[in-house]
Amino acid sequence: MDPVETLRAQHRALDMLLRAHLDAVIALDFAAALARLAIWQHAFALHLHTEDTTLIPALADVAAPRWVAHVYDAEHRHLEALMHDYTARFAGTVAVLPDGMTKRRNMALAIIDSAHVLRHVIDHHHQREEQALFLELPEAVLARAARAGGVEDGIADGD
C-alpha cells in the first residue's frame, strides 16, 4: 500500500476507534465505552505526535505549501485540547451513573451530542491533510510517518 493510502487508512482506523467508543455509549455499556475511549485517545495522541515530528517539520522544505506548518500545529493543539476536554467530561459523567434506564439513555444522548464538535474538527483536519499535506510531501517522509502510525494495532484491542 502506498504511504498516502496508509495514512488515509490510519485516519479511517482512528474514526473506527472513536465510533467503537460511541457504539458502547449507545449500548449503555459505559465501562466498555471508557475503555474504548482510552484506546482511541492513546492512538490519536500517537498519531498527532507522529505528524508533529515527521510530517509538519517536512513542510519547511516545500516551496509553497497550501497550508503552512503553524496551521497544522495550531489544529493539533486544538484537537488535543478538545480530546482532553471530551475525555475528562466523559470520565466525570460516567463516574456516577444515574439510576434508571431513561436517565442513562438521556445521559448517553448528551455524551453523543458532546462528541459532535470533536468529530467535526477531526474530520475537517483529516480532509485538510488528505487533500493538501499528504500530496505535498515527499514519499519518503510520508512512508516514515505511515510506518510510525501504528493505529491499526489499537483496532484489534478496541473490538
Protein backbone atom coordinates (compact mmCIF):
# COMPACT_ATOMS: atom_id res chain seq x y z
CA MET A 1 0.00 0.00 0.00
CA ASP A 2 1.37 3.42 -0.87
CA PRO A 3 2.11 5.79 2.04
CA VAL A 4 -0.73 8.20 1.27
CA GLU A 5 -3.25 5.37 1.31
CA THR A 6 -1.71 4.02 4.52
CA LEU A 7 -2.09 7.42 6.19
CA ARG A 8 -5.68 7.68 4.96
CA ALA A 9 -6.30 4.18 6.33
CA GLN A 10 -4.91 5.34 9.67
CA HIS A 11 -7.42 8.21 9.65
CA ARG A 12 -10.20 5.71 8.98
CA ALA A 13 -8.88 3.47 11.77
CA LEU A 14 -8.95 6.38 14.22
CA ASP A 15 -12.52 7.09 13.20
CA MET A 16 -13.42 3.42 13.78
CA LEU A 17 -11.90 3.55 17.25
CA LEU A 18 -13.92 6.63 18.17
CA ARG A 19 -17.05 5.05 16.70
CA ALA A 20 -16.44 1.93 18.78
CA HIS A 21 -16.45 4.15 21.86
CA LEU A 22 -19.71 5.78 20.75
CA ASP A 23 -21.25 2.39 19.93
CA ALA A 24 -20.60 1.34 23.53
CA VAL A 25 -22.22 4.58 24.72
CA ILE A 26 -25.29 3.80 22.59
CA ALA A 27 -25.38 0.31 24.13
CA LEU A 28 -25.23 1.95 27.59
CA ASP A 29 -22.08 -0.06 28.28
CA PHE A 30 -20.19 2.79 29.92
CA ALA A 31 -17.33 0.62 31.19
CA ALA A 32 -16.61 -0.57 27.64
CA ALA A 33 -17.06 2.99 26.37
CA LEU A 34 -14.48 4.24 28.85
CA ALA A 35 -12.01 1.51 27.87
CA ARG A 36 -12.53 2.15 24.15
CA LEU A 37 -12.15 5.88 24.69
CA ALA A 38 -8.77 5.27 26.36
CA ILE A 39 -7.67 3.18 23.37
CA TRP A 40 -8.76 5.89 20.93
CA GLN A 41 -7.13 8.64 22.99
CA HIS A 42 -3.82 6.78 23.04
CA ALA A 43 -3.95 6.04 19.29
CA PHE A 44 -4.96 9.61 18.44
CA ALA A 45 -2.21 11.10 20.61
CA LEU A 46 0.34 8.81 18.92
CA HIS A 47 -0.98 9.84 15.51
CA LEU A 48 -0.69 13.55 16.32
CA HIS A 49 2.81 13.03 17.73
CA THR A 50 3.90 11.23 14.56
CA GLU A 51 2.59 14.05 12.41
CA ASP A 52 4.17 16.66 14.70
CA THR A 53 7.58 15.03 14.49
CA THR A 54 7.59 13.68 10.94
CA LEU A 55 5.18 15.45 8.59
CA ILE A 56 4.87 19.00 9.85
CA PRO A 57 8.64 19.69 10.07
CA ALA A 58 8.99 18.48 6.46
CA LEU A 59 6.77 21.33 5.28
CA ALA A 60 9.78 23.63 5.70
CA ASP A 61 11.21 22.05 2.54
CA VAL A 62 8.04 22.57 0.47
CA ALA A 63 8.32 25.71 -1.69
CA ALA A 64 4.72 26.91 -1.41
CA PRO A 65 2.56 24.63 0.75
CA ARG A 66 -1.18 25.13 0.62
CA TRP A 67 -1.18 25.39 4.43
CA VAL A 68 1.89 26.41 6.38
CA ALA A 69 3.20 24.37 9.30
CA HIS A 70 1.74 26.59 12.02
CA VAL A 71 -1.78 25.93 10.69
CA TYR A 72 -1.35 22.18 11.24
CA ASP A 73 0.38 22.77 14.55
CA ALA A 74 -2.44 25.03 15.78
CA GLU A 75 -5.01 22.45 14.69
CA HIS A 76 -3.15 19.71 16.53
CA ARG A 77 -3.06 21.74 19.73
CA HIS A 78 -6.78 22.50 19.33
CA LEU A 79 -7.53 18.81 18.73
CA GLU A 80 -5.50 17.83 21.80
CA ALA A 81 -7.48 20.32 23.89
CA LEU A 82 -10.80 19.00 22.53
CA MET A 83 -9.68 15.41 23.12
CA HIS A 84 -8.65 16.09 26.71
CA ASP A 85 -11.82 18.08 27.40
CA TYR A 86 -14.08 15.37 25.97
CA THR A 87 -12.32 12.51 27.76
CA ALA A 88 -12.34 14.37 31.08
CA ARG A 89 -16.03 15.26 30.75
CA PHE A 90 -16.87 11.69 29.74
CA ALA A 91 -14.99 10.18 32.67
CA GLY A 92 -16.68 12.61 35.05
CA THR A 93 -20.10 11.93 33.60
CA VAL A 94 -19.88 8.15 33.87
CA ALA A 95 -18.17 8.15 37.27
CA VAL A 96 -21.59 8.10 38.94
CA LEU A 97 -24.24 6.51 36.76
CA PRO A 98 -27.82 7.64 37.26
CA ASP A 99 -30.48 5.20 38.35
CA GLY A 100 -32.98 4.11 35.74
CA MET A 101 -32.75 3.39 32.04
CA THR A 102 -34.41 6.64 30.99
CA LYS A 103 -31.78 8.71 32.80
CA ARG A 104 -28.99 6.56 31.39
CA ARG A 105 -30.37 6.90 27.85
CA ASN A 106 -30.57 10.67 28.30
CA MET A 107 -27.00 10.66 29.56
CA ALA A 108 -25.92 8.64 26.52
CA LEU A 109 -27.60 11.14 24.19
CA ALA A 110 -25.84 14.02 25.94
CA ILE A 111 -22.48 12.22 25.58
CA ILE A 112 -23.05 11.61 21.88
CA ASP A 113 -24.03 15.25 21.40
CA SER A 114 -20.89 16.39 23.22
CA ALA A 115 -18.71 14.30 20.87
CA HIS A 116 -20.08 16.07 17.80
CA VAL A 117 -17.72 19.05 17.86
CA LEU A 118 -14.69 16.82 18.40
CA ARG A 119 -15.66 14.57 15.49
CA HIS A 120 -16.38 17.53 13.21
CA VAL A 121 -12.99 19.16 13.87
CA ILE A 122 -11.19 15.84 13.39
CA ASP A 123 -12.99 15.23 10.07
CA HIS A 124 -12.13 18.72 8.83
CA HIS A 125 -8.50 18.33 9.88
CA HIS A 126 -8.14 14.95 8.21
CA GLN A 127 -9.61 16.38 5.00
CA ARG A 128 -7.02 19.19 5.08
CA GLU A 129 -4.23 16.65 5.50
CA GLU A 130 -5.52 14.27 2.84
CA GLN A 131 -6.21 16.98 0.27
CA ALA A 132 -3.08 19.05 0.83
CA LEU A 133 -0.38 17.88 3.26
CA PHE A 134 -0.15 14.28 2.06
CA LEU A 135 0.03 15.42 -1.57
CA GLU A 136 2.79 17.99 -0.98
CA LEU A 137 5.36 15.99 0.97
CA PRO A 138 7.98 13.62 -0.44
CA GLU A 139 7.08 9.94 -0.48
CA ALA A 140 9.99 9.08 1.85
CA VAL A 141 8.60 11.41 4.55
CA LEU A 142 5.10 10.01 4.11
CA ALA A 143 6.43 6.44 4.29
CA ARG A 144 8.26 7.22 7.56
CA ALA A 145 5.06 8.64 9.05
CA ALA A 146 3.00 5.71 7.75
CA ARG A 147 5.36 3.20 9.38
CA ALA A 148 5.30 5.10 12.68
CA GLY A 149 1.48 5.39 12.77
CA GLY A 150 0.57 2.10 14.42
CA VAL A 151 -3.13 2.97 14.63
CA GLU A 152 -4.24 -0.40 13.33
CA ASP A 153 -2.85 -2.05 16.47
CA GLY A 154 -5.42 -0.21 18.55
CA ILE A 155 -8.33 -1.51 16.48
CA ALA A 156 -7.71 -5.10 17.48
CA ASP A 157 -7.63 -4.00 21.11
CA GLY A 158 -10.82 -1.96 20.73
CA ASP A 159 -13.04 -4.59 19.10
